[in-house]
């Protein structure tokens, strides 16, 4: 080999080596940026042209080489990802039971200004095409799906064990997730969140969005609410139907028949279960004297407007017990 050819080959070999090093460095950086270490990770992804935020809690015994269940927890109106993470206690349970928890954050009408329950409130656009966010119409359903995509890819979240819960406005959004993403989510558990889009002909209550609430696949459902909830009163109120009137329609969509079985009726907690359902069981839990507060929280809101917090039920533990009973089969139907 003459010197010129040797030098040319050496030059190209150096280029190839440099490219390989750059690829390796980029892979290392990508791996470092993934939320794989135990603890909280504050993540951002761009969806719909907007930077959207969420927190991921990775459990203490996390192993990225095996598929791990994922719970999506949606905060209420005026809340935040940090707030609902602190109030619900999902992180401690996730560390004990070994599952991922994600806390997506909704948008406020004026995102650069402070937000709270009463002013410039962050809230989920669970009415889909209606004015539910101060004139803006973010695709929150798509954002939640994008968070799931992200965690399936970067945290090996198990596609067969994706669960969604939400409180208040986040509970309303979790109903929508159950209706529109039933082929992807194994179970839902709204807490103190209204079911948007229902009609009860006997009671005469009419609601819009009716056609958008028929799940395309079975979706086991647990619903929890306090008997003293001032924002979603069981007996209904101005512009609000009785809670049971709206839940009746959801059971109809799940194909539930007959009378429920009483699972529990003591200690301030009454739990009813409809087992004879074509599209997933339905469990309905009421908590005596509980206000518009996450049941069992150690950090209740300070304002009396939300009503009382009780210790009758640890909603987080009850929901996980319900969730872990369900795994979505490859065909899209939940299997116990």
C-alpha atoms as a PDB file:
ATOM      1  CA  UNK A   1       0.000   0.000   0.000  1.00  0.00           C
ATOM      2  CA  UNK A   2       1.465   3.361  -1.000  1.00  0.00           C
ATOM      3  CA  UNK A   3       1.651   6.248   1.454  1.00  0.00           C
ATOM      4  CA  UNK A   4      -1.122   8.283  -0.228  1.00  0.00           C
ATOM      5  CA  UNK A   5      -3.665   5.440  -0.053  1.00  0.00           C
ATOM      6  CA  UNK A   6      -2.650   4.734   3.528  1.00  0.00           C
ATOM      7  CA  UNK A   7      -3.182   8.371   4.513  1.00  0.00           C
ATOM      8  CA  UNK A   8      -6.583   8.455   2.786  1.00  0.00           C
ATOM      9  CA  UNK A   9      -7.720   5.326   4.597  1.00  0.00           C
ATOM     10  CA  UNK A  10      -6.414   6.668   7.903  1.00  0.00           C
ATOM     11  CA  UNK A  11      -8.315   9.911   7.355  1.00  0.00           C
ATOM     12  CA  UNK A  12     -11.606   8.092   6.647  1.00  0.00           C
ATOM     13  CA  UNK A  13     -11.027   5.772   9.606  1.00  0.00           C
ATOM     14  CA  UNK A  14     -10.590   8.803  11.855  1.00  0.00           C
ATOM     15  CA  UNK A  15     -13.848  10.288  10.548  1.00  0.00           C
ATOM     16  CA  UNK A  16     -15.700   7.031  11.204  1.00  0.00           C
ATOM     17  CA  UNK A  17     -14.223   6.824  14.701  1.00  0.00           C
ATOM     18  CA  UNK A  18     -15.223  10.426  15.444  1.00  0.00           C
ATOM     19  CA  UNK A  19     -18.787   9.757  14.300  1.00  0.00           C
ATOM     20  CA  UNK A  20     -18.932   6.635  16.451  1.00  0.00           C
ATOM     21  CA  UNK A  21     -17.766   8.627  19.476  1.00  0.00           C
ATOM     22  CA  UNK A  22     -20.395  11.309  18.835  1.00  0.00           C
ATOM     23  CA  UNK A  23     -23.124   8.666  18.547  1.00  0.00           C
ATOM     24  CA  UNK A  24     -21.950   7.013  21.772  1.00  0.00           C
ATOM     25  CA  UNK A  25     -21.889  10.342  23.621  1.00  0.00           C
ATOM     26  CA  UNK A  26     -25.370  11.209  22.379  1.00  0.00           C
ATOM     27  CA  UNK A  27     -26.633   7.786  23.490  1.00  0.00           C
ATOM     28  CA  UNK A  28     -25.083   8.259  26.927  1.00  0.00           C
ATOM     29  CA  UNK A  29     -26.638  11.712  27.253  1.00  0.00           C
ATOM     30  CA  UNK A  30     -30.017  10.382  26.121  1.00  0.00           C
ATOM     31  CA  UNK A  31     -29.794   7.577  28.651  1.00  0.00           C
ATOM     32  CA  UNK A  32     -28.854  10.068  31.376  1.00  0.00           C
ATOM     33  CA  UNK A  33     -31.824  12.277  30.498  1.00  0.00           C
ATOM     34  CA  UNK A  34     -34.303   9.432  30.824  1.00  0.00           C
ATOM     35  CA  UNK A  35     -36.146   9.283  34.140  1.00  0.00           C
ATOM     36  CA  UNK A  36     -34.680   5.921  35.147  1.00  0.00           C
ATOM     37  CA  UNK A  37     -33.219   6.708  38.570  1.00  0.00           C
ATOM     38  CA  UNK A  38     -35.525   6.307  41.598  1.00  0.00           C
ATOM     39  CA  UNK A  39     -37.210   9.489  42.772  1.00  0.00           C
ATOM     40  CA  UNK A  40     -38.991  12.441  41.159  1.00  0.00           C
ATOM     41  CA  UNK A  41     -38.210  13.656  37.655  1.00  0.00           C
ATOM     42  CA  UNK A  42     -39.604  16.908  36.249  1.00  0.00           C
ATOM     43  CA  UNK A  43     -40.188  16.315  32.561  1.00  0.00           C
ATOM     44  CA  UNK A  44     -41.308  18.444  29.624  1.00  0.00           C
ATOM     45  CA  UNK A  45     -42.531  17.421  26.203  1.00  0.00           C
ATOM     46  CA  UNK A  46     -43.781  19.473  23.309  1.00  0.00           C
ATOM     47  CA  UNK A  47     -47.313  18.623  22.266  1.00  0.00           C
ATOM     48  CA  UNK A  48     -49.596  20.631  20.012  1.00  0.00           C
ATOM     49  CA  UNK A  49     -46.878  23.246  19.683  1.00  0.00           C
ATOM     50  CA  UNK A  50     -46.885  23.845  23.471  1.00  0.00           C
ATOM     51  CA  UNK A  51     -44.355  22.852  26.116  1.00  0.00           C
ATOM     52  CA  UNK A  52     -46.260  20.606  28.537  1.00  0.00           C
ATOM     53  CA  UNK A  53     -45.015  19.584  31.974  1.00  0.00           C
ATOM     54  CA  UNK A  54     -45.363  16.445  34.069  1.00  0.00           C
ATOM     55  CA  UNK A  55     -43.675  14.776  37.016  1.00  0.00           C
ATOM     56  CA  UNK A  56     -42.625  11.126  37.000  1.00  0.00           C
ATOM     57  CA  UNK A  57     -42.006   9.267  40.232  1.00  0.00           C
ATOM     58  CA  UNK A  58     -39.775   6.249  39.686  1.00  0.00           C
ATOM     59  CA  UNK A  59     -40.068   3.602  42.449  1.00  0.00           C
ATOM     60  CA  UNK A  60     -37.140   2.659  44.660  1.00  0.00           C
ATOM     61  CA  UNK A  61     -36.717  -0.843  43.192  1.00  0.00           C
ATOM     62  CA  UNK A  62     -37.166   0.223  39.565  1.00  0.00           C
ATOM     63  CA  UNK A  63     -35.559  -1.984  36.924  1.00  0.00           C
ATOM     64  CA  UNK A  64     -35.617  -0.511  33.419  1.00  0.00           C
ATOM     65  CA  UNK A  65     -35.218  -3.981  31.915  1.00  0.00           C
ATOM     66  CA  UNK A  66     -38.672  -5.158  33.002  1.00  0.00           C
ATOM     67  CA  UNK A  67     -42.096  -3.732  32.293  1.00  0.00           C
ATOM     68  CA  UNK A  68     -43.565  -1.739  35.177  1.00  0.00           C
ATOM     69  CA  UNK A  69     -47.198  -0.709  35.827  1.00  0.00           C
ATOM     70  CA  UNK A  70     -48.012   2.993  35.432  1.00  0.00           C
ATOM     71  CA  UNK A  71     -50.561   5.131  37.272  1.00  0.00           C
ATOM     72  CA  UNK A  72     -51.489   8.493  35.743  1.00  0.00           C
ATOM     73  CA  UNK A  73     -52.788  10.914  38.415  1.00  0.00           C
ATOM     74  CA  UNK A  74     -54.629  14.050  37.231  1.00  0.00           C
ATOM     75  CA  UNK A  75     -54.871  17.064  39.542  1.00  0.00           C
ATOM     76  CA  UNK A  76     -58.004  19.112  40.107  1.00  0.00           C
ATOM     77  CA  UNK A  77     -59.014  22.570  38.922  1.00  0.00           C
ATOM     78  CA  UNK A  78     -56.529  25.180  40.074  1.00  0.00           C
ATOM     79  CA  UNK A  79     -54.156  22.500  41.316  1.00  0.00           C
ATOM     80  CA  UNK A  80     -50.808  21.375  40.009  1.00  0.00           C
ATOM     81  CA  UNK A  81     -48.725  18.270  39.520  1.00  0.00           C
ATOM     82  CA  UNK A  82     -46.729  19.049  42.689  1.00  0.00           C
ATOM     83  CA  UNK A  83     -49.873  19.690  44.707  1.00  0.00           C
ATOM     84  CA  UNK A  84     -51.643  16.445  43.847  1.00  0.00           C
ATOM     85  CA  UNK A  85     -48.430  14.464  44.300  1.00  0.00           C
ATOM     86  CA  UNK A  86     -48.142  15.823  47.855  1.00  0.00           C
ATOM     87  CA  UNK A  87     -51.818  15.355  48.756  1.00  0.00           C
ATOM     88  CA  UNK A  88     -52.457  11.832  47.473  1.00  0.00           C
ATOM     89  CA  UNK A  89     -49.463   9.876  48.769  1.00  0.00           C
ATOM     90  CA  UNK A  90     -49.044   7.887  45.575  1.00  0.00           C
ATOM     91  CA  UNK A  91     -45.224   8.070  45.744  1.00  0.00           C
ATOM     92  CA  UNK A  92     -44.911   6.158  49.022  1.00  0.00           C
ATOM     93  CA  UNK A  93     -47.281   3.462  47.802  1.00  0.00           C
ATOM     94  CA  UNK A  94     -45.450   3.240  44.464  1.00  0.00           C
ATOM     95  CA  UNK A  95     -42.166   2.640  46.287  1.00  0.00           C
ATOM     96  CA  UNK A  96     -43.734  -0.183  48.304  1.00  0.00           C
ATOM     97  CA  UNK A  97     -45.693  -1.790  45.457  1.00  0.00           C
ATOM     98  CA  UNK A  98     -43.178  -1.048  42.667  1.00  0.00           C
ATOM     99  CA  UNK A  99     -45.029   0.960  40.024  1.00  0.00           C
ATOM    100  CA  UNK A 100     -44.498   4.249  38.193  1.00  0.00           C
ATOM    101  CA  UNK A 101     -46.622   7.335  38.863  1.00  0.00           C
ATOM    102  CA  UNK A 102     -46.961  10.267  36.470  1.00  0.00           C
ATOM    103  CA  UNK A 103     -48.530  13.618  37.321  1.00  0.00           C
ATOM    104  CA  UNK A 104     -49.342  15.570  34.148  1.00  0.00           C
ATOM    105  CA  UNK A 105     -50.067  19.278  34.562  1.00  0.00           C
ATOM    106  CA  UNK A 106     -53.021  21.053  32.963  1.00  0.00           C
ATOM    107  CA  UNK A 107     -52.822  24.499  31.399  1.00  0.00           C
ATOM    108  CA  UNK A 108     -54.124  27.771  32.807  1.00  0.00           C
ATOM    109  CA  UNK A 109     -55.789  30.322  30.480  1.00  0.00           C
ATOM    110  CA  UNK A 110     -52.874  32.691  31.193  1.00  0.00           C
ATOM    111  CA  UNK A 111     -49.920  30.346  31.744  1.00  0.00           C
ATOM    112  CA  UNK A 112     -47.442  33.104  32.642  1.00  0.00           C
ATOM    113  CA  UNK A 113     -49.550  34.295  35.593  1.00  0.00           C
ATOM    114  CA  UNK A 114     -50.093  32.621  38.996  1.00  0.00           C
ATOM    115  CA  UNK A 115     -52.824  30.006  39.168  1.00  0.00           C
ATOM    116  CA  UNK A 116     -55.121  28.841  41.968  1.00  0.00           C
ATOM    117  CA  UNK A 117     -58.589  27.353  42.391  1.00  0.00           C
ATOM    118  CA  UNK A 118     -60.395  30.674  41.979  1.00  0.00           C
ATOM    119  CA  UNK A 119     -58.147  32.772  39.701  1.00  0.00           C
ATOM    120  CA  UNK A 120     -56.567  31.692  36.397  1.00  0.00           C
ATOM    121  CA  UNK A 121     -57.167  28.063  37.314  1.00  0.00           C
ATOM    122  CA  UNK A 122     -55.300  25.268  35.609  1.00  0.00           C
ATOM    123  CA  UNK A 123     -57.942  22.831  34.430  1.00  0.00           C
ATOM    124  CA  UNK A 124     -58.370  19.907  32.104  1.00  0.00           C
ATOM    125  CA  UNK A 125     -60.337  20.363  28.911  1.00  0.00           C
ATOM    126  CA  UNK A 126     -62.522  17.354  29.622  1.00  0.00           C
ATOM    127  CA  UNK A 127     -65.481  18.706  27.681  1.00  0.00           C
ATOM    128  CA  UNK A 128     -63.308  18.378  24.595  1.00  0.00           C
ATOM    129  CA  UNK A 129     -64.861  20.866  22.169  1.00  0.00           C
ATOM    130  CA  UNK A 130     -66.478  23.203  24.693  1.00  0.00           C
ATOM    131  CA  UNK A 131     -65.131  26.378  26.276  1.00  0.00           C
ATOM    132  CA  UNK A 132     -63.671  24.743  29.368  1.00  0.00           C
ATOM    133  CA  UNK A 133     -60.359  26.557  29.627  1.00  0.00           C
ATOM    134  CA  UNK A 134     -60.939  30.278  29.332  1.00  0.00           C
ATOM    135  CA  UNK A 135     -61.327  30.289  25.579  1.00  0.00           C
ATOM    136  CA  UNK A 136     -58.512  27.875  24.758  1.00  0.00           C
ATOM    137  CA  UNK A 137     -59.069  24.294  23.678  1.00  0.00           C
ATOM    138  CA  UNK A 138     -55.918  22.294  24.481  1.00  0.00           C
ATOM    139  CA  UNK A 139     -55.882  18.690  23.367  1.00  0.00           C
ATOM    140  CA  UNK A 140     -55.420  17.296  26.865  1.00  0.00           C
ATOM    141  CA  UNK A 141     -56.484  13.826  25.799  1.00  0.00           C
ATOM    142  CA  UNK A 142     -53.653  13.796  23.261  1.00  0.00           C
ATOM    143  CA  UNK A 143     -51.236  15.174  25.852  1.00  0.00           C
ATOM    144  CA  UNK A 144     -52.042  12.347  28.279  1.00  0.00           C
ATOM    145  CA  UNK A 145     -51.548   9.830  25.477  1.00  0.00           C
ATOM    146  CA  UNK A 146     -48.180  11.466  24.710  1.00  0.00           C
ATOM    147  CA  UNK A 147     -47.123  11.115  28.361  1.00  0.00           C
ATOM    148  CA  UNK A 148     -48.002   7.421  28.197  1.00  0.00           C
ATOM    149  CA  UNK A 149     -46.003   7.074  24.956  1.00  0.00           C
ATOM    150  CA  UNK A 150     -43.033   8.767  26.604  1.00  0.00           C
ATOM    151  CA  UNK A 151     -43.090   6.483  29.638  1.00  0.00           C
ATOM    152  CA  UNK A 152     -43.607   3.319  27.626  1.00  0.00           C
ATOM    153  CA  UNK A 153     -40.557   4.251  25.564  1.00  0.00           C
ATOM    154  CA  UNK A 154     -38.216   5.681  28.207  1.00  0.00           C
ATOM    155  CA  UNK A 155     -39.306   3.901  31.409  1.00  0.00           C
ATOM    156  CA  UNK A 156     -40.565   0.606  29.985  1.00  0.00           C
ATOM    157  CA  UNK A 157     -44.055   1.263  31.351  1.00  0.00           C
ATOM    158  CA  UNK A 158     -46.172  -1.822  30.758  1.00  0.00           C
ATOM    159  CA  UNK A 159     -48.774  -1.141  28.009  1.00  0.00           C
ATOM    160  CA  UNK A 160     -51.000  -3.808  29.561  1.00  0.00           C
ATOM    161  CA  UNK A 161     -51.040  -2.087  32.972  1.00  0.00           C
ATOM    162  CA  UNK A 162     -51.765   1.600  32.392  1.00  0.00           C
ATOM    163  CA  UNK A 163     -54.204   3.089  34.923  1.00  0.00           C
ATOM    164  CA  UNK A 164     -55.711   6.574  35.233  1.00  0.00           C
ATOM    165  CA  UNK A 165     -57.114   8.351  38.276  1.00  0.00           C
ATOM    166  CA  UNK A 166     -58.032  11.980  38.828  1.00  0.00           C
ATOM    167  CA  UNK A 167     -59.506  14.295  41.411  1.00  0.00           C
ATOM    168  CA  UNK A 168     -62.303  16.844  40.819  1.00  0.00           C
ATOM    169  CA  UNK A 169     -61.704  18.354  37.362  1.00  0.00           C
ATOM    170  CA  UNK A 170     -59.014  15.693  36.928  1.00  0.00           C
ATOM    171  CA  UNK A 171     -61.680  13.129  37.790  1.00  0.00           C
ATOM    172  CA  UNK A 172     -63.810  14.536  34.989  1.00  0.00           C
ATOM    173  CA  UNK A 173     -60.831  14.140  32.662  1.00  0.00           C
ATOM    174  CA  UNK A 174     -60.302  10.543  33.774  1.00  0.00           C
ATOM    175  CA  UNK A 175     -63.897   9.713  32.752  1.00  0.00           C
ATOM    176  CA  UNK A 176     -63.035  11.044  29.281  1.00  0.00           C
ATOM    177  CA  UNK A 177     -59.840   8.971  29.201  1.00  0.00           C
ATOM    178  CA  UNK A 178     -61.934   5.909  30.018  1.00  0.00           C
ATOM    179  CA  UNK A 179     -64.402   6.712  27.275  1.00  0.00           C
ATOM    180  CA  UNK A 180     -61.930   7.664  24.548  1.00  0.00           C
ATOM    181  CA  UNK A 181     -58.830   5.593  25.444  1.00  0.00           C
ATOM    182  CA  UNK A 182     -60.447   2.396  26.682  1.00  0.00           C
ATOM    183  CA  UNK A 183     -58.459   0.348  24.171  1.00  0.00           C
ATOM    184  CA  UNK A 184     -55.258   1.510  25.862  1.00  0.00           C
ATOM    185  CA  UNK A 185     -56.060   1.967  29.556  1.00  0.00           C
ATOM    186  CA  UNK A 186     -56.711  -1.030  31.821  1.00  0.00           C
ATOM    187  CA  UNK A 187     -58.922   0.755  34.407  1.00  0.00           C
ATOM    188  CA  UNK A 188     -59.924   4.213  35.659  1.00  0.00           C
ATOM    189  CA  UNK A 189     -60.753   5.661  39.087  1.00  0.00           C
ATOM    190  CA  UNK A 190     -62.326   9.146  39.116  1.00  0.00           C
ATOM    191  CA  UNK A 191     -62.572  10.758  42.570  1.00  0.00           C
ATOM    192  CA  UNK A 192     -65.068  13.563  43.252  1.00  0.00           C
ATOM    193  CA  UNK A 193     -65.197  14.351  39.550  1.00  0.00           C
ATOM    194  CA  UNK A 194     -68.385  14.874  37.600  1.00  0.00           C
ATOM    195  CA  UNK A 195     -69.228  12.577  34.730  1.00  0.00           C
ATOM    196  CA  UNK A 196     -69.661  14.940  31.791  1.00  0.00           C
ATOM    197  CA  UNK A 197     -72.102  14.064  29.074  1.00  0.00           C
ATOM    198  CA  UNK A 198     -74.916  11.959  30.417  1.00  0.00           C
ATOM    199  CA  UNK A 199     -78.669  11.808  30.075  1.00  0.00           C
ATOM    200  CA  UNK A 200     -81.179  10.304  32.451  1.00  0.00           C
ATOM    201  CA  UNK A 201     -84.605  10.186  30.835  1.00  0.00           C
ATOM    202  CA  UNK A 202     -86.450   9.301  34.049  1.00  0.00           C
ATOM    203  CA  UNK A 203     -85.035  12.233  35.982  1.00  0.00           C
ATOM    204  CA  UNK A 204     -85.206  14.530  32.978  1.00  0.00           C
ATOM    205  CA  UNK A 205     -81.556  15.610  33.105  1.00  0.00           C
ATOM    206  CA  UNK A 206     -80.038  16.373  29.741  1.00  0.00           C
ATOM    207  CA  UNK A 207     -76.330  16.693  29.081  1.00  0.00           C
ATOM    208  CA  UNK A 208     -74.299  17.432  25.934  1.00  0.00           C
ATOM    209  CA  UNK A 209     -71.329  15.383  24.646  1.00  0.00           C
ATOM    210  CA  UNK A 210     -73.392  12.181  24.977  1.00  0.00           C
ATOM    211  CA  UNK A 211     -72.042  10.452  21.890  1.00  0.00           C
ATOM    212  CA  UNK A 212     -68.439  10.902  23.028  1.00  0.00           C
ATOM    213  CA  UNK A 213     -68.795   8.767  26.117  1.00  0.00           C
ATOM    214  CA  UNK A 214     -69.181   5.245  24.777  1.00  0.00           C
ATOM    215  CA  UNK A 215     -65.981   3.263  25.458  1.00  0.00           C
ATOM    216  CA  UNK A 216     -64.608   1.319  22.529  1.00  0.00           C
ATOM    217  CA  UNK A 217     -63.369  -1.447  24.833  1.00  0.00           C
ATOM    218  CA  UNK A 218     -64.121  -2.689  28.369  1.00  0.00           C
ATOM    219  CA  UNK A 219     -62.988  -0.250  31.065  1.00  0.00           C
ATOM    220  CA  UNK A 220     -63.343  -1.335  34.721  1.00  0.00           C
ATOM    221  CA  UNK A 221     -64.256   1.713  36.804  1.00  0.00           C
ATOM    222  CA  UNK A 222     -64.018   2.727  40.451  1.00  0.00           C
ATOM    223  CA  UNK A 223     -65.736   5.976  41.476  1.00  0.00           C
ATOM    224  CA  UNK A 224     -65.239   7.567  44.914  1.00  0.00           C
ATOM    225  CA  UNK A 225     -67.036  10.603  46.330  1.00  0.00           C
ATOM    226  CA  UNK A 226     -67.812  12.151  49.714  1.00  0.00           C
ATOM    227  CA  UNK A 227     -71.378  12.443  50.964  1.00  0.00           C
ATOM    228  CA  UNK A 228     -70.682  16.066  51.983  1.00  0.00           C
ATOM    229  CA  UNK A 229     -68.997  17.174  48.761  1.00  0.00           C
ATOM    230  CA  UNK A 230     -70.097  20.816  48.261  1.00  0.00           C
ATOM    231  CA  UNK A 231     -69.038  20.960  44.605  1.00  0.00           C
ATOM    232  CA  UNK A 232     -70.536  17.654  43.472  1.00  0.00           C
ATOM    233  CA  UNK A 233     -73.440  17.065  45.896  1.00  0.00           C
ATOM    234  CA  UNK A 234     -74.897  13.583  45.787  1.00  0.00           C
ATOM    235  CA  UNK A 235     -78.429  14.962  45.587  1.00  0.00           C
ATOM    236  CA  UNK A 236     -77.536  17.406  42.838  1.00  0.00           C
ATOM    237  CA  UNK A 237     -78.034  21.135  42.830  1.00  0.00           C
ATOM    238  CA  UNK A 238     -78.187  24.133  40.565  1.00  0.00           C
ATOM    239  CA  UNK A 239     -77.127  23.012  37.084  1.00  0.00           C
ATOM    240  CA  UNK A 240     -76.027  19.668  38.511  1.00  0.00           C
ATOM    241  CA  UNK A 241     -77.805  16.356  38.318  1.00  0.00           C
ATOM    242  CA  UNK A 242     -77.754  13.925  41.241  1.00  0.00           C
ATOM    243  CA  UNK A 243     -74.564  11.910  41.152  1.00  0.00           C
ATOM    244  CA  UNK A 244     -76.429   8.616  40.880  1.00  0.00           C
ATOM    245  CA  UNK A 245     -78.325   9.894  37.827  1.00  0.00           C
ATOM    246  CA  UNK A 246     -75.092  10.424  35.923  1.00  0.00           C
ATOM    247  CA  UNK A 247     -73.474   7.197  37.106  1.00  0.00           C
ATOM    248  CA  UNK A 248     -76.481   5.217  35.910  1.00  0.00           C
ATOM    249  CA  UNK A 249     -75.628   6.106  32.330  1.00  0.00           C
ATOM    250  CA  UNK A 250     -71.996   5.016  32.728  1.00  0.00           C
ATOM    251  CA  UNK A 251     -73.141   1.652  34.055  1.00  0.00           C
ATOM    252  CA  UNK A 252     -75.406   1.386  31.055  1.00  0.00           C
ATOM    253  CA  UNK A 253     -72.417   1.931  28.792  1.00  0.00           C
ATOM    254  CA  UNK A 254     -70.496  -0.768  30.633  1.00  0.00           C
ATOM    255  CA  UNK A 255     -73.455  -3.095  30.147  1.00  0.00           C
ATOM    256  CA  UNK A 256     -74.032  -3.582  33.885  1.00  0.00           C
ATOM    257  CA  UNK A 257     -77.214  -5.393  34.836  1.00  0.00           C
ATOM    258  CA  UNK A 258     -79.025  -6.249  38.046  1.00  0.00           C
ATOM    259  CA  UNK A 259     -78.502  -5.054  41.579  1.00  0.00           C
ATOM    260  CA  UNK A 260     -75.062  -4.383  43.028  1.00  0.00           C
ATOM    261  CA  UNK A 261     -73.329  -6.445  45.664  1.00  0.00           C
ATOM    262  CA  UNK A 262     -72.455  -4.615  48.884  1.00  0.00           C
ATOM    263  CA  UNK A 263     -68.706  -4.879  49.380  1.00  0.00           C
ATOM    264  CA  UNK A 264     -68.541  -2.730  52.496  1.00  0.00           C
ATOM    265  CA  UNK A 265     -70.907  -0.742  54.664  1.00  0.00           C
ATOM    266  CA  UNK A 266     -69.092   0.212  57.847  1.00  0.00           C
ATOM    267  CA  UNK A 267     -66.676   2.756  59.248  1.00  0.00           C
ATOM    268  CA  UNK A 268     -68.159   5.558  57.189  1.00  0.00           C
ATOM    269  CA  UNK A 269     -67.568   3.810  53.865  1.00  0.00           C
ATOM    270  CA  UNK A 270     -70.215   2.225  51.631  1.00  0.00           C
ATOM    271  CA  UNK A 271     -68.987   0.331  48.578  1.00  0.00           C
ATOM    272  CA  UNK A 272     -71.248  -1.169  45.924  1.00  0.00           C
ATOM    273  CA  UNK A 273     -70.038  -3.427  43.112  1.00  0.00           C
ATOM    274  CA  UNK A 274     -71.812  -4.223  39.836  1.00  0.00           C
ATOM    275  CA  UNK A 275     -70.209  -7.464  38.676  1.00  0.00           C
ATOM    276  CA  UNK A 276     -72.579  -8.482  35.880  1.00  0.00           C
ATOM    277  CA  UNK A 277     -71.188  -6.069  33.313  1.00  0.00           C
ATOM    278  CA  UNK A 278     -70.363  -6.751  29.698  1.00  0.00           C
ATOM    279  CA  UNK A 279     -67.601  -4.128  29.506  1.00  0.00           C
ATOM    280  CA  UNK A 280     -65.916  -4.086  32.911  1.00  0.00           C
ATOM    281  CA  UNK A 281     -66.967  -4.033  36.534  1.00  0.00           C
ATOM    282  CA  UNK A 282     -68.190  -0.841  38.183  1.00  0.00           C
ATOM    283  CA  UNK A 283     -67.524  -0.021  41.844  1.00  0.00           C
ATOM    284  CA  UNK A 284     -69.170   2.966  43.535  1.00  0.00           C
ATOM    285  CA  UNK A 285     -67.837   4.165  46.909  1.00  0.00           C
ATOM    286  CA  UNK A 286     -69.249   6.917  49.120  1.00  0.00           C
ATOM    287  CA  UNK A 287     -67.364   8.295  52.125  1.00  0.00           C
ATOM    288  CA  UNK A 288     -69.480   9.621  54.983  1.00  0.00           C
ATOM    289  CA  UNK A 289     -69.037  13.344  55.789  1.00  0.00           C
ATOM    290  CA  UNK A 290     -66.180  13.638  53.291  1.00  0.00           C
ATOM    291  CA  UNK A 291     -65.980  16.989  51.501  1.00  0.00           C
ATOM    292  CA  UNK A 292     -64.352  17.903  48.200  1.00  0.00           C
ATOM    293  CA  UNK A 293     -61.034  16.531  49.427  1.00  0.00           C
ATOM    294  CA  UNK A 294     -58.945  13.492  48.489  1.00  0.00           C
ATOM    295  CA  UNK A 295     -60.019  10.803  51.013  1.00  0.00           C
ATOM    296  CA  UNK A 296     -57.228   9.961  53.413  1.00  0.00           C
ATOM    297  CA  UNK A 297     -54.997  12.892  52.495  1.00  0.00           C
ATOM    298  CA  UNK A 298     -52.438  14.076  55.018  1.00  0.00           C
ATOM    299  CA  UNK A 299     -52.462  17.555  53.432  1.00  0.00           C
ATOM    300  CA  UNK A 300     -56.085  18.775  53.178  1.00  0.00           C
ATOM    301  CA  UNK A 301     -56.832  22.233  51.759  1.00  0.00           C
ATOM    302  CA  UNK A 302     -57.069  25.016  54.303  1.00  0.00           C
ATOM    303  CA  UNK A 303     -60.231  26.618  52.960  1.00  0.00           C
ATOM    304  CA  UNK A 304     -63.525  25.554  54.587  1.00  0.00           C
ATOM    305  CA  UNK A 305     -65.184  25.870  51.169  1.00  0.00           C
ATOM    306  CA  UNK A 306     -63.995  22.375  50.308  1.00  0.00           C
ATOM    307  CA  UNK A 307     -65.669  20.750  53.290  1.00  0.00           C
ATOM    308  CA  UNK A 308     -64.229  18.246  55.741  1.00  0.00           C
ATOM    309  CA  UNK A 309     -61.409  15.755  55.335  1.00  0.00           C
ATOM    310  CA  UNK A 310     -61.952  12.386  56.983  1.00  0.00           C
ATOM    311  CA  UNK A 311     -59.865   9.297  57.652  1.00  0.00           C
ATOM    312  CA  UNK A 312     -62.602   6.785  56.835  1.00  0.00           C
ATOM    313  CA  UNK A 313     -60.883   5.725  53.604  1.00  0.00           C
ATOM    314  CA  UNK A 314     -57.374   5.810  52.153  1.00  0.00           C
ATOM    315  CA  UNK A 315     -58.416   6.431  48.556  1.00  0.00           C
ATOM    316  CA  UNK A 316     -54.907   5.882  47.177  1.00  0.00           C
ATOM    317  CA  UNK A 317     -54.610   2.376  48.629  1.00  0.00           C
ATOM    318  CA  UNK A 318     -58.194   1.507  47.667  1.00  0.00           C
ATOM    319  CA  UNK A 319     -57.611   2.606  44.079  1.00  0.00           C
ATOM    320  CA  UNK A 320     -54.365   0.640  43.736  1.00  0.00           C
ATOM    321  CA  UNK A 321     -56.068  -2.475  45.101  1.00  0.00           C
ATOM    322  CA  UNK A 322     -58.690  -2.030  42.395  1.00  0.00           C
ATOM    323  CA  UNK A 323     -56.194  -1.237  39.625  1.00  0.00           C
ATOM    324  CA  UNK A 324     -53.823  -4.132  40.198  1.00  0.00           C
ATOM    325  CA  UNK A 325     -56.660  -6.597  39.630  1.00  0.00           C
ATOM    326  CA  UNK A 326     -56.776  -5.654  35.954  1.00  0.00           C
ATOM    327  CA  UNK A 327     -54.387  -6.242  33.074  1.00  0.00           C
ATOM    328  CA  UNK A 328     -55.261  -5.348  29.525  1.00  0.00           C
ATOM    329  CA  UNK A 329     -54.942  -8.236  27.123  1.00  0.00           C
ATOM    330  CA  UNK A 330     -53.338  -7.803  23.681  1.00  0.00           C
ATOM    331  CA  UNK A 331     -56.839  -7.835  22.206  1.00  0.00           C
ATOM    332  CA  UNK A 332     -57.737  -4.752  24.235  1.00  0.00           C
ATOM    333  CA  UNK A 333     -59.998  -6.290  26.855  1.00  0.00           C
ATOM    334  CA  UNK A 334     -59.187  -6.274  30.583  1.00  0.00           C
ATOM    335  CA  UNK A 335     -58.449  -9.585  32.247  1.00  0.00           C
ATOM    336  CA  UNK A 336     -58.536 -10.103  36.004  1.00  0.00           C
END
